[in-house]
Amino acid sequence: DYLNARVEKLQTSNLLLEQQVNELKPKATYYDMVL
């Protein structure tokens, strides 16, 4: 149960990291306007 919970937490963290990385891709164009 502990290992499954850790795996699920890690998967969620990876998905969040992926979204955050993808959100930062247009930084050069939208830095002032968005970020």
All heavy atoms as atom14 arrays in JSON, in Angstrom:
{
  "sequence": "DYLNARVEKLQTSNLLLEQQVNELKPKATYYDMVL",
  "atom14_mask": [
    [1, 1, 1, 1, 1, 1, 1, 1, 0, 0, 0, 0, 0, 0],
    [1, 1, 1, 1, 1, 1, 1, 1, 1, 1, 1, 1, 0, 0],
    [1, 1, 1, 1, 1, 1, 1, 1, 0, 0, 0, 0, 0, 0],
    [1, 1, 1, 1, 1, 1, 1, 1, 0, 0, 0, 0, 0, 0],
    [1, 1, 1, 1, 1, 0, 0, 0, 0, 0, 0, 0, 0, 0],
    [1, 1, 1, 1, 1, 1, 1, 1, 1, 1, 1, 0, 0, 0],
    [1, 1, 1, 1, 1, 1, 1, 0, 0, 0, 0, 0, 0, 0],
    [1, 1, 1, 1, 1, 1, 1, 1, 1, 0, 0, 0, 0, 0],
    [1, 1, 1, 1, 1, 1, 1, 1, 1, 0, 0, 0, 0, 0],
    [1, 1, 1, 1, 1, 1, 1, 1, 0, 0, 0, 0, 0, 0],
    [1, 1, 1, 1, 1, 1, 1, 1, 1, 0, 0, 0, 0, 0],
    [1, 1, 1, 1, 1, 1, 1, 0, 0, 0, 0, 0, 0, 0],
    [1, 1, 1, 1, 1, 1, 0, 0, 0, 0, 0, 0, 0, 0],
    [1, 1, 1, 1, 1, 1, 1, 1, 0, 0, 0, 0, 0, 0],
    [1, 1, 1, 1, 1, 1, 1, 1, 0, 0, 0, 0, 0, 0],
    [1, 1, 1, 1, 1, 1, 1, 1, 0, 0, 0, 0, 0, 0],
    [1, 1, 1, 1, 1, 1, 1, 1, 0, 0, 0, 0, 0, 0],
    [1, 1, 1, 1, 1, 1, 1, 1, 1, 0, 0, 0, 0, 0],
    [1, 1, 1, 1, 1, 1, 1, 1, 1, 0, 0, 0, 0, 0],
    [1, 1, 1, 1, 1, 1, 1, 1, 1, 0, 0, 0, 0, 0],
    [1, 1, 1, 1, 1, 1, 1, 0, 0, 0, 0, 0, 0, 0],
    [1, 1, 1, 1, 1, 1, 1, 1, 0, 0, 0, 0, 0, 0],
    [1, 1, 1, 1, 1, 1, 1, 1, 1, 0, 0, 0, 0, 0],
    [1, 1, 1, 1, 1, 1, 1, 1, 0, 0, 0, 0, 0, 0],
    [1, 1, 1, 1, 1, 1, 1, 1, 1, 0, 0, 0, 0, 0],
    [1, 1, 1, 1, 1, 1, 1, 0, 0, 0, 0, 0, 0, 0],
    [1, 1, 1, 1, 1, 1, 1, 1, 1, 0, 0, 0, 0, 0],
    [1, 1, 1, 1, 1, 0, 0, 0, 0, 0, 0, 0, 0, 0],
    [1, 1, 1, 1, 1, 1, 1, 0, 0, 0, 0, 0, 0, 0],
    [1, 1, 1, 1, 1, 1, 1, 1, 1, 1, 1, 1, 0, 0],
    [1, 1, 1, 1, 1, 1, 1, 1, 1, 1, 1, 1, 0, 0],
    [1, 1, 1, 1, 1, 1, 1, 1, 0, 0, 0, 0, 0, 0],
    [1, 1, 1, 1, 1, 1, 1, 1, 0, 0, 0, 0, 0, 0],
    [1, 1, 1, 1, 1, 1, 1, 0, 0, 0, 0, 0, 0, 0],
    [1, 1, 1, 1, 1, 1, 1, 1, 0, 0, 0, 0, 0, 0]
  ],
  "atom14_positions": [
    [[0.84, -1.2, 0.0], [0.0, 0.0, 0.0], [0.87, 1.25, 0.0], [0.57, 2.23, -0.7], [-0.93, 0.02, 1.22], [-2.04, -1.02, 1.13], [-2.28, -1.53, 0.01], [-2.64, -1.33, 2.17], [0.0, 0.0, 0.0], [0.0, 0.0, 0.0], [0.0, 0.0, 0.0], [0.0, 0.0, 0.0], [0.0, 0.0, 0.0], [0.0, 0.0, 0.0]],
    [[1.94, 1.22, 0.8], [2.85, 2.37, 0.87], [3.54, 2.6, -0.48], [3.61, 3.73, -0.97], [3.9, 2.13, 1.95], [5.0, 3.16, 1.99], [4.79, 4.41, 2.56], [6.25, 2.9, 1.42], [5.79, 5.37, 2.58], [7.26, 3.85, 1.44], [7.03, 5.08, 2.03], [8.01, 6.03, 2.04], [0.0, 0.0, 0.0], [0.0, 0.0, 0.0]],
    [[4.02, 1.5, -1.09], [4.71, 1.62, -2.38], [3.76, 2.12, -3.46], [4.13, 2.96, -4.29], [5.3, 0.27, -2.78], [6.51, -0.2, -1.97], [6.92, -1.62, -2.39], [7.68, 0.75, -2.14], [0.0, 0.0, 0.0], [0.0, 0.0, 0.0], [0.0, 0.0, 0.0], [0.0, 0.0, 0.0], [0.0, 0.0, 0.0], [0.0, 0.0, 0.0]],
    [[2.52, 1.61, -3.46], [1.54, 2.06, -4.46], [1.23, 3.54, -4.3], [1.08, 4.26, -5.3], [0.25, 1.23, -4.34], [0.43, -0.19, -4.83], [1.31, -0.48, -5.64], [-0.38, -1.1, -4.33], [0.0, 0.0, 0.0], [0.0, 0.0, 0.0], [0.0, 0.0, 0.0], [0.0, 0.0, 0.0], [0.0, 0.0, 0.0], [0.0, 0.0, 0.0]],
    [[1.13, 3.99, -3.06], [0.86, 5.4, -2.8], [2.03, 6.26, -3.28], [1.83, 7.34, -3.84], [0.61, 5.63, -1.31], [0.0, 0.0, 0.0], [0.0, 0.0, 0.0], [0.0, 0.0, 0.0], [0.0, 0.0, 0.0], [0.0, 0.0, 0.0], [0.0, 0.0, 0.0], [0.0, 0.0, 0.0], [0.0, 0.0, 0.0], [0.0, 0.0, 0.0]],
    [[3.25, 5.78, -3.06], [4.44, 6.52, -3.5], [4.49, 6.59, -5.02], [4.83, 7.63, -5.59], [5.7, 5.84, -2.96], [5.88, 5.93, -1.46], [6.24, 7.31, -1.01], [7.54, 7.73, -1.53], [8.05, 8.95, -1.36], [7.35, 9.86, -0.73], [9.24, 9.24, -1.84], [0.0, 0.0, 0.0], [0.0, 0.0, 0.0], [0.0, 0.0, 0.0]],
    [[4.17, 5.46, -5.68], [4.19, 5.43, -7.14], [3.15, 6.4, -7.7], [3.42, 7.15, -8.64], [3.91, 4.0, -7.66], [3.64, 4.01, -9.16], [5.11, 3.1, -7.35], [0.0, 0.0, 0.0], [0.0, 0.0, 0.0], [0.0, 0.0, 0.0], [0.0, 0.0, 0.0], [0.0, 0.0, 0.0], [0.0, 0.0, 0.0], [0.0, 0.0, 0.0]],
    [[1.94, 6.39, -7.11], [0.88, 7.29, -7.57], [1.29, 8.75, -7.38], [1.06, 9.59, -8.26], [-0.42, 7.01, -6.81], [-1.58, 7.86, -7.28], [-2.87, 7.51, -6.58], [-2.89, 6.53, -5.81], [-3.87, 8.23, -6.77], [0.0, 0.0, 0.0], [0.0, 0.0, 0.0], [0.0, 0.0, 0.0], [0.0, 0.0, 0.0], [0.0, 0.0, 0.0]],
    [[1.92, 9.04, -6.24], [2.36, 10.41, -5.98], [3.44, 10.83, -6.98], [3.45, 11.97, -7.47], [2.91, 10.51, -4.55], [3.29, 11.93, -4.13], [3.71, 11.97, -2.68], [4.07, 13.38, -2.24], [4.49, 13.44, -0.81], [0.0, 0.0, 0.0], [0.0, 0.0, 0.0], [0.0, 0.0, 0.0], [0.0, 0.0, 0.0], [0.0, 0.0, 0.0]],
    [[4.35, 9.89, -7.29], [5.42, 10.18, -8.24], [4.85, 10.41, -9.64], [5.29, 11.32, -10.36], [6.42, 9.02, -8.27], [7.63, 9.18, -9.19], [8.45, 10.41, -8.8], [8.5, 7.93, -9.16], [0.0, 0.0, 0.0], [0.0, 0.0, 0.0], [0.0, 0.0, 0.0], [0.0, 0.0, 0.0], [0.0, 0.0, 0.0], [0.0, 0.0, 0.0]],
    [[3.86, 9.6, -10.02], [3.24, 9.76, -11.33], [2.56, 11.12, -11.45], [2.67, 11.79, -12.47], [2.24, 8.63, -11.58], [2.88, 7.28, -11.82], [1.86, 6.16, -11.92], [0.73, 6.29, -11.43], [2.23, 5.06, -12.54], [0.0, 0.0, 0.0], [0.0, 0.0, 0.0], [0.0, 0.0, 0.0], [0.0, 0.0, 0.0], [0.0, 0.0, 0.0]],
    [[1.87, 11.51, -10.38], [1.2, 12.81, -10.38], [2.22, 13.94, -10.46], [2.03, 14.91, -11.2], [0.35, 12.98, -9.1], [-0.64, 11.94, -9.05], [-0.34, 14.33, -9.07], [0.0, 0.0, 0.0], [0.0, 0.0, 0.0], [0.0, 0.0, 0.0], [0.0, 0.0, 0.0], [0.0, 0.0, 0.0], [0.0, 0.0, 0.0], [0.0, 0.0, 0.0]],
    [[3.33, 13.78, -9.73], [4.38, 14.8, -9.76], [4.98, 14.92, -11.16], [5.25, 16.03, -11.64], [5.48, 14.46, -8.76], [4.98, 14.46, -7.43], [0.0, 0.0, 0.0], [0.0, 0.0, 0.0], [0.0, 0.0, 0.0], [0.0, 0.0, 0.0], [0.0, 0.0, 0.0], [0.0, 0.0, 0.0], [0.0, 0.0, 0.0], [0.0, 0.0, 0.0]],
    [[5.17, 13.78, -11.82], [5.73, 13.8, -13.17], [4.79, 14.48, -14.16], [5.23, 15.23, -15.03], [6.04, 12.37, -13.64], [7.25, 11.77, -12.92], [8.07, 12.5, -12.37], [7.34, 10.46, -12.91], [0.0, 0.0, 0.0], [0.0, 0.0, 0.0], [0.0, 0.0, 0.0], [0.0, 0.0, 0.0], [0.0, 0.0, 0.0], [0.0, 0.0, 0.0]],
    [[3.48, 14.21, -14.0], [2.5, 14.83, -14.88], [2.46, 16.34, -14.67], [2.36, 17.12, -15.62], [1.12, 14.22, -14.64], [0.92, 12.79, -15.15], [-0.39, 12.22, -14.63], [0.95, 12.75, -16.67], [0.0, 0.0, 0.0], [0.0, 0.0, 0.0], [0.0, 0.0, 0.0], [0.0, 0.0, 0.0], [0.0, 0.0, 0.0], [0.0, 0.0, 0.0]],
    [[2.55, 16.76, -13.4], [2.56, 18.19, -13.09], [3.81, 18.85, -13.66], [3.75, 19.95, -14.2], [2.49, 18.4, -11.58], [1.12, 18.18, -10.93], [1.25, 18.18, -9.41], [0.15, 19.24, -11.38], [0.0, 0.0, 0.0], [0.0, 0.0, 0.0], [0.0, 0.0, 0.0], [0.0, 0.0, 0.0], [0.0, 0.0, 0.0], [0.0, 0.0, 0.0]],
    [[4.95, 18.15, -13.49], [6.2, 18.7, -14.02], [6.13, 18.84, -15.53], [6.56, 19.85, -16.1], [7.36, 17.78, -13.63], [8.75, 18.2, -14.13], [9.11, 19.57, -13.57], [9.8, 17.17, -13.73], [0.0, 0.0, 0.0], [0.0, 0.0, 0.0], [0.0, 0.0, 0.0], [0.0, 0.0, 0.0], [0.0, 0.0, 0.0], [0.0, 0.0, 0.0]],
    [[5.55, 17.83, -16.19], [5.42, 17.88, -17.65], [4.56, 19.07, -18.06], [4.9, 19.79, -19.01], [4.78, 16.58, -18.16], [4.58, 16.54, -19.67], [3.87, 15.29, -20.13], [3.68, 14.37, -19.29], [3.51, 15.22, -21.32], [0.0, 0.0, 0.0], [0.0, 0.0, 0.0], [0.0, 0.0, 0.0], [0.0, 0.0, 0.0], [0.0, 0.0, 0.0]],
    [[3.44, 19.29, -17.35], [2.58, 20.41, -17.69], [3.29, 21.74, -17.45], [3.21, 22.66, -18.26], [1.27, 20.37, -16.89], [0.4, 21.6, -17.12], [-1.04, 21.4, -16.73], [-1.58, 20.31, -16.87], [-1.68, 22.45, -16.24], [0.0, 0.0, 0.0], [0.0, 0.0, 0.0], [0.0, 0.0, 0.0], [0.0, 0.0, 0.0], [0.0, 0.0, 0.0]],
    [[4.01, 21.83, -16.31], [4.71, 23.08, -16.01], [5.8, 23.37, -17.04], [5.99, 24.53, -17.43], [5.3, 23.01, -14.6], [4.23, 23.07, -13.51], [4.8, 22.82, -12.12], [5.8, 22.14, -11.97], [4.15, 23.37, -11.11], [0.0, 0.0, 0.0], [0.0, 0.0, 0.0], [0.0, 0.0, 0.0], [0.0, 0.0, 0.0], [0.0, 0.0, 0.0]],
    [[6.51, 22.32, -17.49], [7.54, 22.51, -18.52], [6.9, 22.98, -19.82], [7.38, 23.92, -20.47], [8.31, 21.19, -18.74], [9.18, 21.29, -20.0], [9.18, 20.88, -17.53], [0.0, 0.0, 0.0], [0.0, 0.0, 0.0], [0.0, 0.0, 0.0], [0.0, 0.0, 0.0], [0.0, 0.0, 0.0], [0.0, 0.0, 0.0], [0.0, 0.0, 0.0]],
    [[5.78, 22.33, -20.21], [5.11, 22.71, -21.45], [4.54, 24.12, -21.37], [4.5, 24.85, -22.37], [4.0, 21.72, -21.77], [4.54, 20.39, -22.26], [5.61, 20.35, -22.85], [3.82, 19.31, -22.0], [0.0, 0.0, 0.0], [0.0, 0.0, 0.0], [0.0, 0.0, 0.0], [0.0, 0.0, 0.0], [0.0, 0.0, 0.0], [0.0, 0.0, 0.0]],
    [[4.1, 24.51, -20.19], [3.56, 25.87, -20.01], [4.65, 26.93, -20.18], [4.38, 28.04, -20.6], [2.92, 26.01, -18.63], [1.59, 25.28, -18.49], [1.07, 25.3, -17.07], [1.85, 25.63, -16.15], [-0.11, 24.98, -16.88], [0.0, 0.0, 0.0], [0.0, 0.0, 0.0], [0.0, 0.0, 0.0], [0.0, 0.0, 0.0], [0.0, 0.0, 0.0]],
    [[5.89, 26.55, -19.84], [6.99, 27.52, -19.91], [7.61, 27.6, -21.3], [8.44, 28.46, -21.56], [8.07, 27.16, -18.9], [7.67, 27.37, -17.42], [8.76, 26.83, -16.52], [7.42, 28.83, -17.13], [0.0, 0.0, 0.0], [0.0, 0.0, 0.0], [0.0, 0.0, 0.0], [0.0, 0.0, 0.0], [0.0, 0.0, 0.0], [0.0, 0.0, 0.0]],
    [[7.21, 26.71, -22.22], [7.8, 26.7, -23.56], [7.64, 28.04, -24.29], [8.58, 28.5, -24.93], [7.2, 25.56, -24.39], [7.76, 24.2, -24.01], [7.14, 23.11, -24.88], [7.71, 21.75, -24.51], [7.09, 20.65, -25.31], [0.0, 0.0, 0.0], [0.0, 0.0, 0.0], [0.0, 0.0, 0.0], [0.0, 0.0, 0.0], [0.0, 0.0, 0.0]],
    [[6.47, 28.68, -24.22], [6.33, 29.95, -24.95], [6.86, 31.15, -24.18], [6.44, 32.26, -24.4], [4.8, 30.06, -25.13], [4.25, 29.38, -23.92], [5.19, 28.25, -23.64], [0.0, 0.0, 0.0], [0.0, 0.0, 0.0], [0.0, 0.0, 0.0], [0.0, 0.0, 0.0], [0.0, 0.0, 0.0], [0.0, 0.0, 0.0], [0.0, 0.0, 0.0]],
    [[7.81, 30.93, -23.26], [8.3, 32.0, -22.4], [8.82, 33.2, -23.2], [8.54, 34.35, -22.86], [9.41, 31.45, -21.51], [10.02, 32.48, -20.56], [11.03, 31.83, -19.64], [11.63, 32.85, -18.69], [12.62, 32.24, -17.76], [0.0, 0.0, 0.0], [0.0, 0.0, 0.0], [0.0, 0.0, 0.0], [0.0, 0.0, 0.0], [0.0, 0.0, 0.0]],
    [[9.57, 32.94, -24.27], [10.16, 34.05, -25.02], [9.09, 34.97, -25.6], [9.25, 36.18, -25.68], [11.03, 33.5, -26.14], [0.0, 0.0, 0.0], [0.0, 0.0, 0.0], [0.0, 0.0, 0.0], [0.0, 0.0, 0.0], [0.0, 0.0, 0.0], [0.0, 0.0, 0.0], [0.0, 0.0, 0.0], [0.0, 0.0, 0.0], [0.0, 0.0, 0.0]],
    [[7.95, 34.41, -26.01], [6.89, 35.19, -26.63], [5.96, 35.83, -25.61], [5.51, 36.96, -25.77], [6.06, 34.29, -27.57], [6.94, 33.67, -28.5], [5.02, 35.09, -28.33], [0.0, 0.0, 0.0], [0.0, 0.0, 0.0], [0.0, 0.0, 0.0], [0.0, 0.0, 0.0], [0.0, 0.0, 0.0], [0.0, 0.0, 0.0], [0.0, 0.0, 0.0]],
    [[5.69, 35.1, -24.53], [4.65, 35.55, -23.6], [5.18, 35.87, -22.2], [4.42, 35.94, -21.25], [3.57, 34.46, -23.46], [2.88, 34.14, -24.76], [3.09, 32.91, -25.38], [2.04, 35.06, -25.36], [2.46, 32.6, -26.57], [1.4, 34.76, -26.54], [1.61, 33.54, -27.15], [0.99, 33.25, -28.34], [0.0, 0.0, 0.0], [0.0, 0.0, 0.0]],
    [[6.46, 36.07, -22.07], [7.03, 36.28, -20.73], [6.37, 37.45, -20.02], [5.86, 37.3, -18.91], [8.54, 36.51, -20.83], [9.19, 36.63, -19.47], [9.57, 35.5, -18.77], [9.39, 37.88, -18.88], [10.15, 35.6, -17.53], [9.96, 37.99, -17.63], [10.34, 36.84, -16.97], [10.91, 36.96, -15.72], [0.0, 0.0, 0.0], [0.0, 0.0, 0.0]],
    [[6.38, 38.61, -20.63], [5.8, 39.78, -19.98], [4.28, 39.69, -19.9], [3.67, 40.06, -18.89], [6.19, 41.06, -20.73], [7.69, 41.35, -20.59], [8.24, 40.99, -19.53], [8.26, 41.94, -21.51], [0.0, 0.0, 0.0], [0.0, 0.0, 0.0], [0.0, 0.0, 0.0], [0.0, 0.0, 0.0], [0.0, 0.0, 0.0], [0.0, 0.0, 0.0]],
    [[3.66, 39.19, -20.96], [2.21, 39.2, -21.04], [1.57, 38.12, -20.17], [0.51, 38.32, -19.59], [1.76, 39.0, -22.49], [0.25, 39.09, -22.69], [-0.21, 38.92, -24.42], [0.15, 37.19, -24.69], [0.0, 0.0, 0.0], [0.0, 0.0, 0.0], [0.0, 0.0, 0.0], [0.0, 0.0, 0.0], [0.0, 0.0, 0.0], [0.0, 0.0, 0.0]],
    [[2.22, 36.95, -20.08], [1.62, 35.81, -19.39], [2.26, 35.55, -18.04], [1.61, 35.62, -17.0], [1.68, 34.53, -20.26], [1.1, 33.35, -19.53], [0.95, 34.76, -21.58], [0.0, 0.0, 0.0], [0.0, 0.0, 0.0], [0.0, 0.0, 0.0], [0.0, 0.0, 0.0], [0.0, 0.0, 0.0], [0.0, 0.0, 0.0], [0.0, 0.0, 0.0]],
    [[3.57, 35.26, -18.05], [4.21, 34.87, -16.8], [4.2, 36.0, -15.77], [4.11, 35.74, -14.57], [5.65, 34.43, -17.07], [5.82, 33.22, -17.98], [7.28, 32.84, -18.09], [5.01, 32.04, -17.46], [0.0, 0.0, 0.0], [0.0, 0.0, 0.0], [0.0, 0.0, 0.0], [0.0, 0.0, 0.0], [0.0, 0.0, 0.0], [0.0, 0.0, 0.0]]
  ]
}
